[in-house]
């Protein structure tokens, strides 16, 4: 499962590499893969639009855009 770190403070705002959510800002440079059996309680879920935006941002970072 892909896990996104969410900054809940006010340091970060939505940018080309960060997506605003109801929970805080998803930072695409802090998305990690973890096995499902290592996860604890879920904090929240992204909407389909937010998930698609984060995926597009990750692809842009990997391509060096």
C-alpha atoms as a PDB file:
ATOM      1  CA  UNK A   1       0.000   0.000   0.000  1.00  0.00           C
ATOM      2  CA  UNK A   2       1.247   3.498  -0.753  1.00  0.00           C
ATOM      3  CA  UNK A   3       1.259   5.750   2.277  1.00  0.00           C
ATOM      4  CA  UNK A   4       1.459   9.537   2.070  1.00  0.00           C
ATOM      5  CA  UNK A   5       2.827  11.678   4.864  1.00  0.00           C
ATOM      6  CA  UNK A   6       0.431  14.496   5.638  1.00  0.00           C
ATOM      7  CA  UNK A   7       1.703  17.762   7.082  1.00  0.00           C
ATOM      8  CA  UNK A   8      -0.983  18.949   9.476  1.00  0.00           C
ATOM      9  CA  UNK A   9       0.767  22.159  10.480  1.00  0.00           C
ATOM     10  CA  UNK A  10       0.767  25.430   8.602  1.00  0.00           C
ATOM     11  CA  UNK A  11       4.303  25.228   7.216  1.00  0.00           C
ATOM     12  CA  UNK A  12       3.260  23.839   3.835  1.00  0.00           C
ATOM     13  CA  UNK A  13       0.583  24.782   1.340  1.00  0.00           C
ATOM     14  CA  UNK A  14      -0.547  23.187  -1.891  1.00  0.00           C
ATOM     15  CA  UNK A  15       2.097  23.520  -4.631  1.00  0.00           C
ATOM     16  CA  UNK A  16       3.138  21.601  -7.727  1.00  0.00           C
ATOM     17  CA  UNK A  17       4.479  18.942  -5.316  1.00  0.00           C
ATOM     18  CA  UNK A  18       1.962  19.100  -2.490  1.00  0.00           C
ATOM     19  CA  UNK A  19      -1.795  18.475  -2.472  1.00  0.00           C
ATOM     20  CA  UNK A  20      -4.213  20.046   0.001  1.00  0.00           C
ATOM     21  CA  UNK A  21      -6.621  17.597   1.666  1.00  0.00           C
ATOM     22  CA  UNK A  22      -9.153  17.737   4.493  1.00  0.00           C
ATOM     23  CA  UNK A  23      -6.439  16.317   6.772  1.00  0.00           C
ATOM     24  CA  UNK A  24      -3.511  18.522   5.787  1.00  0.00           C
ATOM     25  CA  UNK A  25      -1.052  18.710   2.898  1.00  0.00           C
ATOM     26  CA  UNK A  26       0.243  15.546   1.183  1.00  0.00           C
ATOM     27  CA  UNK A  27       3.934  15.938   0.401  1.00  0.00           C
ATOM     28  CA  UNK A  28       4.783  13.842  -2.651  1.00  0.00           C
ATOM     29  CA  UNK A  29       8.437  13.501  -1.697  1.00  0.00           C
ATOM     30  CA  UNK A  30       7.297  11.603   1.399  1.00  0.00           C
ATOM     31  CA  UNK A  31       5.134   8.903  -0.190  1.00  0.00           C
ATOM     32  CA  UNK A  32       6.317   5.416   0.787  1.00  0.00           C
ATOM     33  CA  UNK A  33       5.258   1.823   0.197  1.00  0.00           C
ATOM     34  CA  UNK A  34       4.474  -0.319   3.240  1.00  0.00           C
ATOM     35  CA  UNK A  35       3.071  -3.841   3.549  1.00  0.00           C
ATOM     36  CA  UNK A  36      -0.565  -3.785   4.656  1.00  0.00           C
ATOM     37  CA  UNK A  37       0.199  -5.915   7.731  1.00  0.00           C
ATOM     38  CA  UNK A  38       2.551  -3.196   9.043  1.00  0.00           C
ATOM     39  CA  UNK A  39      -0.110  -0.490   9.053  1.00  0.00           C
ATOM     40  CA  UNK A  40      -1.952   0.784  12.097  1.00  0.00           C
ATOM     41  CA  UNK A  41      -5.169   2.759  12.238  1.00  0.00           C
ATOM     42  CA  UNK A  42      -5.925   4.727   9.066  1.00  0.00           C
ATOM     43  CA  UNK A  43      -5.822   8.506   9.463  1.00  0.00           C
ATOM     44  CA  UNK A  44      -7.889   9.272   6.395  1.00  0.00           C
ATOM     45  CA  UNK A  45      -8.272   8.659   2.703  1.00  0.00           C
ATOM     46  CA  UNK A  46      -7.733  10.841  -0.318  1.00  0.00           C
ATOM     47  CA  UNK A  47     -10.569  11.478  -2.720  1.00  0.00           C
ATOM     48  CA  UNK A  48     -10.141  10.066  -6.218  1.00  0.00           C
ATOM     49  CA  UNK A  49      -9.242  13.547  -7.523  1.00  0.00           C
ATOM     50  CA  UNK A  50      -6.673  14.077  -4.750  1.00  0.00           C
ATOM     51  CA  UNK A  51      -5.173  10.637  -5.350  1.00  0.00           C
ATOM     52  CA  UNK A  52      -4.884  11.318  -9.085  1.00  0.00           C
ATOM     53  CA  UNK A  53      -3.222  14.694  -8.386  1.00  0.00           C
ATOM     54  CA  UNK A  54      -0.698  13.095  -6.008  1.00  0.00           C
ATOM     55  CA  UNK A  55       0.091  10.374  -8.569  1.00  0.00           C
ATOM     56  CA  UNK A  56       0.626  12.984 -11.289  1.00  0.00           C
ATOM     57  CA  UNK A  57       2.895  14.977  -8.953  1.00  0.00           C
ATOM     58  CA  UNK A  58       4.942  11.858  -8.116  1.00  0.00           C
ATOM     59  CA  UNK A  59       5.371  11.076 -11.819  1.00  0.00           C
ATOM     60  CA  UNK A  60       6.514  14.664 -12.449  1.00  0.00           C
ATOM     61  CA  UNK A  61       9.104  14.378  -9.659  1.00  0.00           C
ATOM     62  CA  UNK A  62      10.394  11.058 -10.999  1.00  0.00           C
ATOM     63  CA  UNK A  63      10.686  12.503 -14.500  1.00  0.00           C
ATOM     64  CA  UNK A  64      12.540  15.552 -13.182  1.00  0.00           C
ATOM     65  CA  UNK A  65       9.882  17.989 -14.356  1.00  0.00           C
END
